[in-house]
Protein backbone atom coordinates (compact mmCIF):
# COMPACT_ATOMS: atom_id res chain seq x y z
CA MET A 1 7.15 -35.95 -131.12
CA THR A 2 7.90 -36.20 -127.42
CA PRO A 3 8.03 -33.44 -124.82
CA THR A 4 10.51 -33.37 -122.01
CA ALA A 5 9.39 -33.43 -118.40
CA GLY A 6 10.29 -29.74 -118.23
CA GLY A 7 12.09 -27.84 -115.53
CA SER A 8 11.08 -25.00 -113.28
CA GLY A 9 11.97 -23.13 -110.13
CA THR A 10 8.49 -23.68 -108.68
CA SER A 11 6.09 -26.62 -108.41
CA SER A 12 2.95 -25.14 -109.95
CA PRO A 13 1.92 -26.60 -113.37
CA PRO A 14 2.81 -24.57 -116.52
CA ASP A 15 -0.52 -24.75 -118.40
CA GLY A 16 -4.19 -23.80 -118.04
CA PRO A 17 -6.95 -21.67 -119.48
CA PRO A 18 -7.94 -18.86 -117.05
CA PRO A 19 -8.01 -15.36 -118.70
CA ASP A 20 -5.36 -12.73 -118.18
CA ARG A 21 -5.97 -10.14 -115.45
CA ASP A 22 -4.44 -6.75 -114.94
CA ALA A 23 -2.69 -6.97 -118.32
CA SER A 24 -0.95 -3.66 -119.05
CA PRO A 25 -0.44 -2.31 -122.61
CA PRO A 26 3.03 -1.44 -123.93
CA ARG A 27 4.22 2.03 -123.10
CA GLY A 28 2.60 4.58 -125.37
CA GLU A 29 -0.59 2.60 -126.05
CA ALA A 30 -3.82 3.42 -124.27
CA SER A 31 -5.61 0.14 -124.69
CA ARG A 32 -5.45 -3.24 -126.35
CA SER A 33 -9.20 -3.93 -126.27
CA ASP A 34 -9.72 -2.67 -129.80
CA ARG A 35 -7.39 -5.37 -131.11
CA VAL A 36 -7.29 -8.19 -128.59
CA SER A 37 -10.71 -9.60 -127.67
CA SER A 38 -9.39 -12.84 -126.35
CA PRO A 39 -5.70 -12.68 -125.47
CA PRO A 40 -3.62 -15.81 -124.73
CA HIS A 41 -3.71 -17.07 -121.20
CA PRO A 42 -1.17 -17.47 -118.45
CA ALA A 43 -0.93 -20.61 -116.33
CA PRO A 44 -3.16 -21.15 -113.22
CA GLY A 45 -2.38 -18.40 -110.79
CA GLU A 46 0.17 -16.93 -113.22
CA THR A 47 -0.16 -13.21 -113.56
CA ALA A 48 2.45 -10.69 -114.56
CA ALA A 49 2.79 -9.82 -110.85
CA SER A 50 3.75 -13.47 -109.88
CA PRO A 51 7.34 -14.14 -108.72
CA ASP A 52 9.98 -14.90 -111.44
CA ARG A 53 9.42 -18.36 -112.81
CA ALA A 54 10.49 -20.18 -116.00
CA VAL A 55 9.65 -23.64 -117.35
CA TRP A 56 11.87 -25.06 -120.13
CA ALA A 57 11.06 -28.11 -122.24
CA ARG A 58 12.41 -29.81 -125.37
CA VAL A 59 10.12 -31.58 -127.90
CA GLU A 60 11.72 -34.23 -130.11
CA GLY A 61 10.66 -35.16 -133.63
CA VAL A 62 9.32 -31.90 -135.06
CA GLN A 63 10.27 -32.20 -138.79
CA GLY A 64 13.14 -34.38 -137.63
CA THR A 65 14.68 -31.82 -135.29
CA PRO A 66 14.28 -30.95 -131.54
CA LEU A 67 12.35 -27.82 -130.63
CA ASP A 68 12.98 -25.91 -127.39
CA LEU A 69 10.06 -24.23 -125.56
CA MET A 70 9.85 -21.96 -122.55
CA THR A 71 6.99 -20.51 -120.47
CA ALA A 72 8.02 -17.67 -118.13
CA ARG A 73 6.78 -14.86 -115.96
CA LEU A 74 9.25 -12.18 -114.89
CA ARG A 75 9.18 -9.22 -112.55
CA ARG A 76 12.87 -8.71 -111.75
CA LEU A 77 14.95 -10.58 -114.33
CA HIS A 78 16.26 -8.54 -117.23
CA TYR A 79 18.02 -10.62 -119.93
CA ALA A 80 21.61 -9.56 -120.67
CA PRO A 81 22.45 -8.74 -124.32
CA HIS A 82 22.64 -12.04 -126.24
CA ALA A 83 21.78 -13.70 -129.59
CA HIS A 84 20.28 -17.05 -130.55
CA GLU A 85 21.24 -19.46 -133.37
CA GLU A 86 17.55 -20.11 -133.80
CA PHE A 87 14.54 -17.87 -134.24
CA ALA A 88 12.80 -16.92 -130.98
CA ILE A 89 9.11 -16.65 -131.56
CA GLY A 90 6.86 -15.86 -128.59
CA VAL A 91 3.57 -14.35 -127.45
CA THR A 92 3.19 -12.07 -124.42
CA THR A 93 0.33 -13.37 -122.23
CA ALA A 94 0.26 -10.74 -119.46
CA GLY A 95 1.84 -7.46 -118.56
CA SER A 96 4.35 -5.56 -120.72
CA GLU A 97 7.86 -6.36 -121.95
CA VAL A 98 10.48 -3.96 -123.15
CA MET A 99 13.34 -5.08 -125.39
CA ARG A 100 16.38 -3.50 -127.08
CA TYR A 101 16.61 -4.74 -130.61
CA ARG A 102 18.35 -3.46 -133.73
CA GLY A 103 19.43 -0.31 -131.97
CA GLY A 104 16.08 0.73 -130.57
CA MET A 105 13.62 -0.05 -127.78
CA VAL A 106 10.36 -1.92 -128.51
CA GLY A 107 7.51 -3.00 -126.26
CA SER A 108 4.90 -5.78 -126.29
CA GLY A 109 1.64 -6.29 -124.46
CA PRO A 110 -0.92 -9.13 -124.12
CA GLY A 111 -1.56 -10.91 -127.42
CA ASP A 112 1.49 -9.45 -129.16
CA LEU A 113 3.91 -11.74 -131.06
CA VAL A 114 7.58 -11.15 -130.46
CA ILE A 115 10.02 -12.34 -133.10
CA VAL A 116 13.80 -12.30 -132.80
CA GLU A 117 15.85 -13.46 -135.79
CA PRO A 118 19.01 -15.68 -135.49
CA GLY A 119 22.12 -13.77 -134.67
CA GLU A 120 20.34 -10.54 -133.62
CA PRO A 121 21.61 -9.16 -130.28
CA HIS A 122 18.76 -8.26 -127.94
CA THR A 123 17.79 -7.82 -124.33
CA GLY A 124 14.42 -8.18 -122.66
CA GLY A 125 12.66 -7.56 -119.39
CA PRO A 126 9.63 -6.21 -117.60
CA ALA A 127 8.51 -2.76 -118.71
CA GLY A 128 7.19 -1.95 -115.19
CA ALA A 129 6.85 -3.18 -111.70
CA GLU A 130 3.90 -5.44 -112.67
CA GLY A 131 6.20 -7.63 -114.81
CA PHE A 132 5.12 -9.70 -117.76
CA ALA A 133 4.45 -13.33 -118.76
CA TYR A 134 5.08 -15.01 -122.07
CA ARG A 135 5.51 -18.21 -123.98
CA VAL A 136 8.32 -18.68 -126.52
CA MET A 137 9.63 -21.30 -128.84
CA TYR A 138 13.00 -21.58 -130.70
CA PRO A 139 12.47 -23.07 -134.19
CA SER A 140 15.50 -23.50 -136.42
CA PRO A 141 15.96 -21.40 -139.55
CA ARG A 142 15.59 -24.64 -141.56
CA LEU A 143 12.20 -25.33 -140.02
CA LEU A 144 10.93 -21.80 -140.80
CA ALA A 145 12.22 -22.09 -144.37
CA GLU A 146 10.48 -25.45 -144.85
CA VAL A 147 7.13 -24.42 -143.54
CA GLY A 148 7.15 -21.06 -145.34
CA ARG A 149 8.82 -22.37 -148.54
CA ARG A 150 11.41 -19.60 -148.21
CA MET A 151 13.87 -18.20 -145.70
CA PRO A 152 11.90 -15.58 -143.83
CA HIS A 153 12.90 -12.11 -142.70
CA PHE A 154 10.77 -10.26 -140.12
CA ARG A 155 11.34 -6.49 -140.46
CA ASP A 156 9.37 -5.80 -137.25
CA PRO A 157 10.06 -7.68 -133.99
CA ILE A 158 6.57 -6.95 -132.66
CA VAL A 159 3.62 -8.32 -134.67
CA ARG A 160 0.08 -7.45 -133.63
CA ASP A 161 -2.12 -10.22 -135.02
CA PRO A 162 -4.57 -11.28 -132.23
CA MET A 163 -5.84 -14.45 -133.95
CA LEU A 164 -2.28 -15.62 -134.71
CA GLY A 165 -1.18 -14.81 -131.18
CA CYS A 166 -3.90 -17.09 -129.84
CA GLU A 167 -2.92 -19.85 -132.28
CA LEU A 168 0.69 -19.65 -131.19
CA TRP A 169 -0.36 -19.90 -127.55
CA ARG A 170 -2.47 -22.98 -128.36
CA ALA A 171 0.34 -24.65 -130.31
CA HIS A 172 2.76 -23.98 -127.49
CA ARG A 173 0.32 -25.35 -124.88
CA GLU A 174 -0.24 -28.57 -126.76
CA LEU A 175 3.46 -29.11 -127.31
CA MET A 176 4.23 -28.55 -123.67
CA ARG A 177 1.46 -30.95 -122.59
CA GLY A 178 2.39 -33.65 -125.06
CA ASP A 179 -1.03 -35.33 -124.81
CA ASP A 180 -1.63 -35.39 -128.57
CA PRO A 181 1.61 -35.14 -130.60
CA LEU A 182 -0.29 -34.99 -133.89
CA GLU A 183 -2.29 -32.01 -132.72
CA GLY A 184 0.73 -30.25 -131.30
CA GLU A 185 2.80 -30.61 -134.45
CA SER A 186 -0.13 -29.74 -136.71
CA ARG A 187 -0.87 -26.54 -134.78
CA LEU A 188 2.83 -25.60 -134.72
CA LEU A 189 3.33 -25.97 -138.48
CA TRP A 190 0.10 -24.23 -139.37
CA THR A 191 0.92 -21.33 -137.07
CA LEU A 192 4.54 -20.96 -138.32
CA SER A 193 3.32 -21.13 -141.92
CA ALA A 194 0.73 -18.43 -141.29
CA LEU A 195 3.26 -16.25 -139.52
CA VAL A 196 5.68 -16.44 -142.45
CA GLY A 197 2.95 -15.99 -145.00
CA ARG A 198 1.37 -12.92 -143.37
CA HIS A 199 4.30 -11.08 -141.80
CA ALA A 200 7.65 -12.12 -143.35
CA GLU A 201 9.42 -10.53 -146.28
CA THR A 202 10.69 -12.64 -149.13
CA ALA A 203 14.39 -12.68 -148.36
CA ALA A 204 16.19 -12.82 -145.05
CA ARG A 205 18.34 -9.85 -144.18
CA SER A 206 21.93 -10.67 -143.43
CA VAL A 207 22.91 -9.61 -139.88
CA ALA A 208 26.62 -10.10 -140.48
CA ALA A 209 28.61 -6.95 -139.74
CA THR A 210 30.28 -5.27 -142.67
CA GLY A 211 33.07 -2.72 -143.15
CA PRO A 212 36.24 -2.15 -141.06
CA GLY A 213 34.36 -2.24 -137.79
CA GLY A 214 32.78 -5.56 -138.64
CA GLU A 215 36.20 -7.07 -139.52
CA ILE A 216 37.61 -5.85 -136.19
CA ALA A 217 34.67 -7.42 -134.34
CA ARG A 218 35.10 -10.74 -136.19
CA LEU A 219 38.80 -10.90 -135.33
CA VAL A 220 38.16 -10.09 -131.67
CA ALA A 221 35.31 -12.63 -131.47
CA ALA A 222 37.42 -15.34 -133.08
CA ARG A 223 40.27 -14.74 -130.58
CA LEU A 224 37.92 -14.71 -127.61
CA ALA A 225 36.40 -17.99 -128.82
CA ASP A 226 39.80 -19.54 -129.30
CA GLU A 227 40.99 -18.44 -125.82
CA LEU A 228 37.78 -19.24 -124.08
CA THR A 229 39.09 -20.25 -120.66
CA ALA A 230 41.85 -17.61 -120.45
CA PRO A 231 40.62 -14.65 -122.58
CA PRO A 232 43.04 -11.81 -123.40
CA ALA A 233 42.72 -8.42 -121.83
CA LEU A 234 41.24 -5.55 -123.88
CA SER A 235 44.75 -4.01 -124.06
CA ASP A 236 46.09 -7.28 -125.55
CA LEU A 237 43.29 -7.39 -128.09
CA ALA A 238 43.95 -3.78 -129.07
CA ALA A 239 47.73 -4.34 -129.37
CA GLY A 240 47.24 -7.29 -131.60
CA LEU A 241 45.18 -5.18 -134.00
CA GLY A 242 47.35 -2.06 -133.75
CA LEU A 243 44.42 -0.05 -132.32
CA SER A 244 43.56 1.67 -129.08
CA ARG A 245 41.37 -0.02 -126.52
CA TYR A 246 38.62 2.51 -127.22
CA GLN A 247 38.70 1.88 -130.96
CA VAL A 248 38.35 -1.88 -130.37
CA LEU A 249 35.59 -1.48 -127.85
CA ARG A 250 33.60 0.96 -130.05
CA ALA A 251 34.01 -1.14 -133.22
CA PHE A 252 33.01 -4.36 -131.39
CA ARG A 253 29.98 -2.83 -129.72
CA ASP A 254 28.81 -1.16 -132.96
CA ALA A 255 29.07 -4.45 -134.85
CA MET A 256 27.92 -6.94 -132.25
CA GLY A 257 25.47 -4.93 -130.24
CA MET A 258 27.28 -5.60 -126.97
CA PRO A 259 30.78 -5.16 -125.42
CA PRO A 260 33.34 -7.99 -125.72
CA TYR A 261 32.84 -9.25 -122.14
CA ALA A 262 29.09 -9.68 -122.70
CA TRP A 263 29.67 -11.41 -126.05
CA LEU A 264 32.14 -13.79 -124.41
CA ALA A 265 29.68 -14.62 -121.57
CA GLN A 266 26.77 -15.42 -123.94
CA TYR A 267 29.24 -17.46 -126.20
CA ARG A 268 30.23 -19.42 -123.08
CA VAL A 269 26.58 -20.05 -122.32
CA GLY A 270 26.14 -21.44 -125.79
CA ARG A 271 29.07 -23.81 -125.32
CA ALA A 272 27.74 -24.72 -121.89
CA ARG A 273 24.39 -25.69 -123.42
CA ALA A 274 26.09 -28.21 -125.67
CA LEU A 275 27.98 -29.82 -122.77
CA LEU A 276 24.90 -29.91 -120.58
CA GLU A 277 23.01 -31.64 -123.43
CA ALA A 278 25.81 -34.20 -123.50
CA GLY A 279 25.22 -35.00 -119.86
CA TRP A 280 27.98 -32.95 -118.19
CA ARG A 281 27.34 -31.68 -114.68
CA PRO A 282 27.04 -27.89 -114.23
CA ALA A 283 30.18 -27.67 -112.05
CA GLU A 284 32.22 -29.48 -114.73
CA VAL A 285 30.74 -27.29 -117.42
CA ALA A 286 31.61 -24.07 -115.58
CA THR A 287 35.30 -24.90 -115.57
CA ALA A 288 35.34 -26.22 -119.15
CA VAL A 289 33.89 -23.03 -120.67
CA GLY A 290 35.86 -20.54 -118.55
CA PHE A 291 33.42 -19.40 -115.86
CA ALA A 292 34.92 -18.79 -112.42
CA ASP A 293 32.69 -21.36 -110.80
CA GLN A 294 29.21 -22.92 -110.91
CA ALA A 295 27.66 -19.79 -109.39
CA HIS A 296 29.17 -17.61 -112.11
CA LEU A 297 27.79 -20.01 -114.76
CA THR A 298 24.37 -20.03 -113.17
CA ARG A 299 24.15 -16.23 -113.05
CA TRP A 300 24.93 -15.80 -116.73
CA PHE A 301 22.91 -18.86 -117.79
CA ARG A 302 19.81 -17.30 -116.19
CA ARG A 303 20.56 -13.90 -117.67
CA VAL A 304 20.74 -15.41 -121.15
CA LEU A 305 18.21 -18.25 -121.11
CA GLY A 306 16.00 -17.59 -118.01
CA VAL A 307 16.59 -20.97 -116.32
CA THR A 308 19.46 -22.51 -114.35
CA PRO A 309 21.95 -24.90 -115.89
CA GLY A 310 20.57 -27.81 -113.76
CA VAL A 311 16.99 -27.22 -114.94
CA TYR A 312 18.12 -26.99 -118.58
CA ARG A 313 20.19 -30.17 -118.31
CA ASN A 314 17.38 -32.15 -116.73
CA SER A 315 14.80 -30.99 -119.27
CA VAL A 316 16.96 -31.82 -122.26
CA GLN A 317 18.20 -35.15 -120.88
CA ASP A 318 14.63 -36.23 -120.06
CA GLY A 319 13.61 -35.58 -123.67
CA LEU A 320 16.64 -37.54 -125.07
CA ARG A 321 15.90 -40.54 -122.96
CA ARG A 322 12.28 -40.86 -124.25
CA PRO A 323 11.75 -42.27 -127.74
CA SER A 324 9.99 -40.25 -130.43
CA PRO A 325 6.74 -41.76 -131.75
CA TYR A 326 7.63 -40.65 -135.32
C-alpha cells in the first residue's frame, strides 16, 4: 500500500497533532463539548480560518484497489452540485460545514463524520465566515461491502460518534503519511468495519430515479453524455422528447438534484479524471471533454473535487509510478 506524493496549493505539510482552536458547532447546536472531548486535529497552523487549501493523494493496494484521500480547509470555496461513483467518508476537524443532501440542508461540526453515498447529488461549503477543515476518503462500494460483509446504506449523512471520528482521523493520517502501510491499512479496515456495523442499515437504498420524470432525466443524461463536446440546447432536448423546455428542466432537476448544465459539467469532470490518470495534460483534457479551455476545466474541477487538474494528475501519476509493497 503506497501513498502518492500528494498535491496542494500551498507548501505547508498536511499532517500533525495540535488541537483544534475556535471550532464552531453546526448551526442550531449550542456546544459540542458534551459529545466531543478530543476532536480530530487539523494540520500545523491549519484552522478553519486559514486560506483555502486542499491536498489530494492516492494510496495503492488497499484490498487490491486504489483509495483516494483529501485533506482540505475552506473559507470561500463552495462545491457545485455533483455526485461520486464512490462513497465519500470524512470527518470535520474544525469549523462548520453546510451541505445540501437528499433535498435538505445538513451541517457538521468538529468530530462529526460526514457520509455521502455513491450517486447522491450534494453540495458542500463553509457554514460561516470562519470556514471549516476536514479529511475525507473515497472508498469503493465493493470495499465497504467487503469490510462490512454487506452493501451498506447510511440513512443519515451526519454521524456523531466521537470515538469513531477520531479513529477515522488517525486512519486518514497514517494513510497520508505512508510510514507504516500495515498500520494504515489496519486502521482503515477497522474503522470502516465499525462504521458499517454501528451506523449502516442492512440494505443499500437505490438512488436511481423512477417514474416518468426519472425516465426523462435518463434520456437527457444519455444524450448529453453522447454529445459531450457539442451538447444540444435545452430546446433541442425538449423537442426530441416532445416536451416543453420547462418540463424537461423540472423533470431533470427533480430526478438528478441539479440542472442539466451542472450535471454535464460534473460528468465532464469525471471523464477528465480518467484522462488525467492516463497521463493526459490538462489543456488536452479540456478540449477532449468539451470544456471551452483549460481555465474552464480548472474552475469546474475545483468546484467538484477541490483541487486543480494539475494537482490531481501529479498526485495520481506519482502513485502509479511507485510499486505497491503488497
